Amino acid sequence: MTPSSTKDLMEIGESKYAVVVAVAKRARVLSERKRNDENYRLSSMVSNALDDIMKGRIKID
């Protein structure tokens, strides 16, 4: 997966702060589900959360 550009992220949220908070909240939800998995990696949860937001599966309030 290629990282999203800042320009693309700014089109989704009102500010960088809003995007970062949304990604962090989504990553926490994903990590709670996978915590007992032996292949658990927080960095992959952050990538998945960012991907969810970029694809519009999660909306930023």
N, C-alpha and C. Protein backbone atom coordinates (compact mmCIF):
# COMPACT_ATOMS: atom_id res chain seq x y z
N MET A 1 0.84 -1.17 0.00
CA MET A 1 0.00 0.00 0.00
C MET A 1 0.89 1.23 0.00
N THR A 2 0.58 2.17 -0.87
CA THR A 2 1.34 3.41 -0.91
C THR A 2 0.74 4.41 0.07
N PRO A 3 1.57 5.15 0.76
CA PRO A 3 1.05 6.11 1.73
C PRO A 3 0.27 7.23 1.04
N SER A 4 -0.73 7.71 1.72
CA SER A 4 -1.56 8.80 1.20
C SER A 4 -0.82 10.11 1.34
N SER A 5 -1.06 10.99 0.40
CA SER A 5 -0.42 12.30 0.48
C SER A 5 -1.19 13.20 1.43
N THR A 6 -0.54 14.20 1.93
CA THR A 6 -1.18 15.14 2.83
C THR A 6 -2.31 15.87 2.13
N LYS A 7 -2.13 16.15 0.86
CA LYS A 7 -3.16 16.84 0.09
C LYS A 7 -4.45 16.01 0.03
N ASP A 8 -4.30 14.70 -0.20
CA ASP A 8 -5.47 13.82 -0.24
C ASP A 8 -6.16 13.76 1.11
N LEU A 9 -5.37 13.73 2.17
CA LEU A 9 -5.94 13.66 3.52
C LEU A 9 -6.67 14.95 3.89
N MET A 10 -6.17 16.07 3.44
CA MET A 10 -6.80 17.35 3.77
C MET A 10 -8.16 17.51 3.07
N GLU A 11 -8.38 16.80 1.98
CA GLU A 11 -9.68 16.84 1.31
C GLU A 11 -10.73 16.08 2.11
N ILE A 12 -10.30 15.16 2.96
CA ILE A 12 -11.22 14.33 3.73
C ILE A 12 -11.65 15.02 5.03
N GLY A 13 -10.69 15.61 5.74
CA GLY A 13 -10.98 16.24 7.03
C GLY A 13 -10.80 17.73 6.98
N GLU A 14 -11.32 18.39 8.00
CA GLU A 14 -11.21 19.84 8.09
C GLU A 14 -9.79 20.29 8.40
N SER A 15 -9.07 19.45 9.14
CA SER A 15 -7.71 19.80 9.53
C SER A 15 -6.88 18.53 9.67
N LYS A 16 -5.58 18.71 9.73
CA LYS A 16 -4.69 17.56 9.94
C LYS A 16 -4.99 16.91 11.28
N TYR A 17 -5.29 17.73 12.26
CA TYR A 17 -5.60 17.21 13.60
C TYR A 17 -6.81 16.28 13.56
N ALA A 18 -7.85 16.67 12.84
CA ALA A 18 -9.06 15.85 12.75
C ALA A 18 -8.76 14.51 12.10
N VAL A 19 -7.93 14.52 11.08
CA VAL A 19 -7.56 13.29 10.39
C VAL A 19 -6.75 12.38 11.32
N VAL A 20 -5.79 12.95 12.02
CA VAL A 20 -4.95 12.17 12.93
C VAL A 20 -5.78 11.54 14.04
N VAL A 21 -6.71 12.30 14.60
CA VAL A 21 -7.56 11.78 15.67
C VAL A 21 -8.45 10.66 15.14
N ALA A 22 -9.01 10.84 13.96
CA ALA A 22 -9.87 9.80 13.38
C ALA A 22 -9.08 8.52 13.10
N VAL A 23 -7.88 8.66 12.57
CA VAL A 23 -7.05 7.48 12.31
C VAL A 23 -6.69 6.78 13.61
N ALA A 24 -6.35 7.54 14.63
CA ALA A 24 -5.99 6.95 15.93
C ALA A 24 -7.16 6.20 16.55
N LYS A 25 -8.35 6.79 16.47
CA LYS A 25 -9.53 6.12 17.03
C LYS A 25 -9.84 4.83 16.29
N ARG A 26 -9.76 4.88 14.97
CA ARG A 26 -10.03 3.69 14.17
C ARG A 26 -8.97 2.61 14.42
N ALA A 27 -7.71 3.01 14.53
CA ALA A 27 -6.64 2.05 14.80
C ALA A 27 -6.83 1.39 16.16
N ARG A 28 -7.32 2.13 17.13
CA ARG A 28 -7.58 1.54 18.45
C ARG A 28 -8.67 0.49 18.36
N VAL A 29 -9.74 0.77 17.63
CA VAL A 29 -10.82 -0.20 17.47
C VAL A 29 -10.30 -1.47 16.79
N LEU A 30 -9.54 -1.28 15.73
CA LEU A 30 -8.99 -2.44 15.02
C LEU A 30 -8.02 -3.23 15.89
N SER A 31 -7.20 -2.54 16.68
CA SER A 31 -6.22 -3.24 17.51
C SER A 31 -6.88 -4.01 18.65
N GLU A 32 -7.99 -3.49 19.16
CA GLU A 32 -8.69 -4.21 20.23
C GLU A 32 -9.24 -5.53 19.72
N ARG A 33 -9.64 -5.56 18.47
CA ARG A 33 -10.15 -6.80 17.89
C ARG A 33 -9.05 -7.82 17.63
N LYS A 34 -7.85 -7.37 17.34
CA LYS A 34 -6.76 -8.26 16.94
C LYS A 34 -5.69 -8.46 18.00
N ARG A 35 -5.88 -7.94 19.19
CA ARG A 35 -4.84 -7.95 20.21
C ARG A 35 -4.32 -9.36 20.53
N ASN A 36 -5.18 -10.35 20.52
CA ASN A 36 -4.76 -11.72 20.87
C ASN A 36 -4.20 -12.49 19.68
N ASP A 37 -4.23 -11.90 18.50
CA ASP A 37 -3.69 -12.53 17.31
C ASP A 37 -2.16 -12.51 17.38
N GLU A 38 -1.52 -13.61 17.03
CA GLU A 38 -0.06 -13.67 17.13
C GLU A 38 0.63 -12.82 16.06
N ASN A 39 -0.08 -12.43 15.01
CA ASN A 39 0.49 -11.58 13.96
C ASN A 39 0.15 -10.10 14.17
N TYR A 40 -0.24 -9.74 15.37
CA TYR A 40 -0.65 -8.38 15.71
C TYR A 40 0.51 -7.40 15.59
N ARG A 41 0.30 -6.33 14.85
CA ARG A 41 1.28 -5.24 14.76
C ARG A 41 0.51 -3.93 14.71
N LEU A 42 0.84 -3.03 15.60
CA LEU A 42 0.13 -1.76 15.66
C LEU A 42 0.30 -0.96 14.38
N SER A 43 1.47 -1.01 13.77
CA SER A 43 1.68 -0.25 12.54
C SER A 43 0.74 -0.70 11.43
N SER A 44 0.43 -1.98 11.38
CA SER A 44 -0.51 -2.44 10.35
C SER A 44 -1.92 -1.97 10.68
N MET A 45 -2.25 -1.82 11.96
CA MET A 45 -3.57 -1.31 12.33
C MET A 45 -3.72 0.15 11.91
N VAL A 46 -2.66 0.92 12.05
CA VAL A 46 -2.69 2.33 11.64
C VAL A 46 -2.84 2.41 10.12
N SER A 47 -2.12 1.57 9.40
CA SER A 47 -2.24 1.55 7.94
C SER A 47 -3.64 1.17 7.50
N ASN A 48 -4.22 0.18 8.17
CA ASN A 48 -5.58 -0.23 7.85
C ASN A 48 -6.59 0.87 8.16
N ALA A 49 -6.39 1.56 9.28
CA ALA A 49 -7.28 2.66 9.65
C ALA A 49 -7.20 3.79 8.63
N LEU A 50 -6.01 4.12 8.21
CA LEU A 50 -5.82 5.17 7.20
C LEU A 50 -6.47 4.75 5.89
N ASP A 51 -6.34 3.50 5.53
CA ASP A 51 -6.95 2.99 4.31
C ASP A 51 -8.48 3.07 4.39
N ASP A 52 -9.05 2.72 5.55
CA ASP A 52 -10.50 2.81 5.74
C ASP A 52 -10.99 4.25 5.55
N ILE A 53 -10.26 5.19 6.09
CA ILE A 53 -10.66 6.59 5.99
C ILE A 53 -10.51 7.10 4.56
N MET A 54 -9.44 6.73 3.89
CA MET A 54 -9.22 7.17 2.51
C MET A 54 -10.27 6.60 1.55
N LYS A 55 -10.73 5.39 1.82
CA LYS A 55 -11.73 4.77 0.95
C LYS A 55 -13.16 5.17 1.32
N GLY A 56 -13.32 5.97 2.37
CA GLY A 56 -14.64 6.47 2.74
C GLY A 56 -15.46 5.53 3.59
N ARG A 57 -14.87 4.46 4.11
CA ARG A 57 -15.60 3.55 4.98
C ARG A 57 -15.87 4.16 6.35
N ILE A 58 -15.00 5.08 6.75
CA ILE A 58 -15.14 5.79 8.02
C ILE A 58 -15.22 7.29 7.72
N LYS A 59 -16.20 7.94 8.28
CA LYS A 59 -16.37 9.38 8.07
C LYS A 59 -15.84 10.15 9.26
N ILE A 60 -15.23 11.29 8.98
CA ILE A 60 -14.70 12.15 10.03
C ILE A 60 -15.76 13.18 10.39
N ASP A 61 -16.11 13.24 11.66
CA ASP A 61 -17.13 14.21 12.12
C ASP A 61 -16.55 15.57 12.28
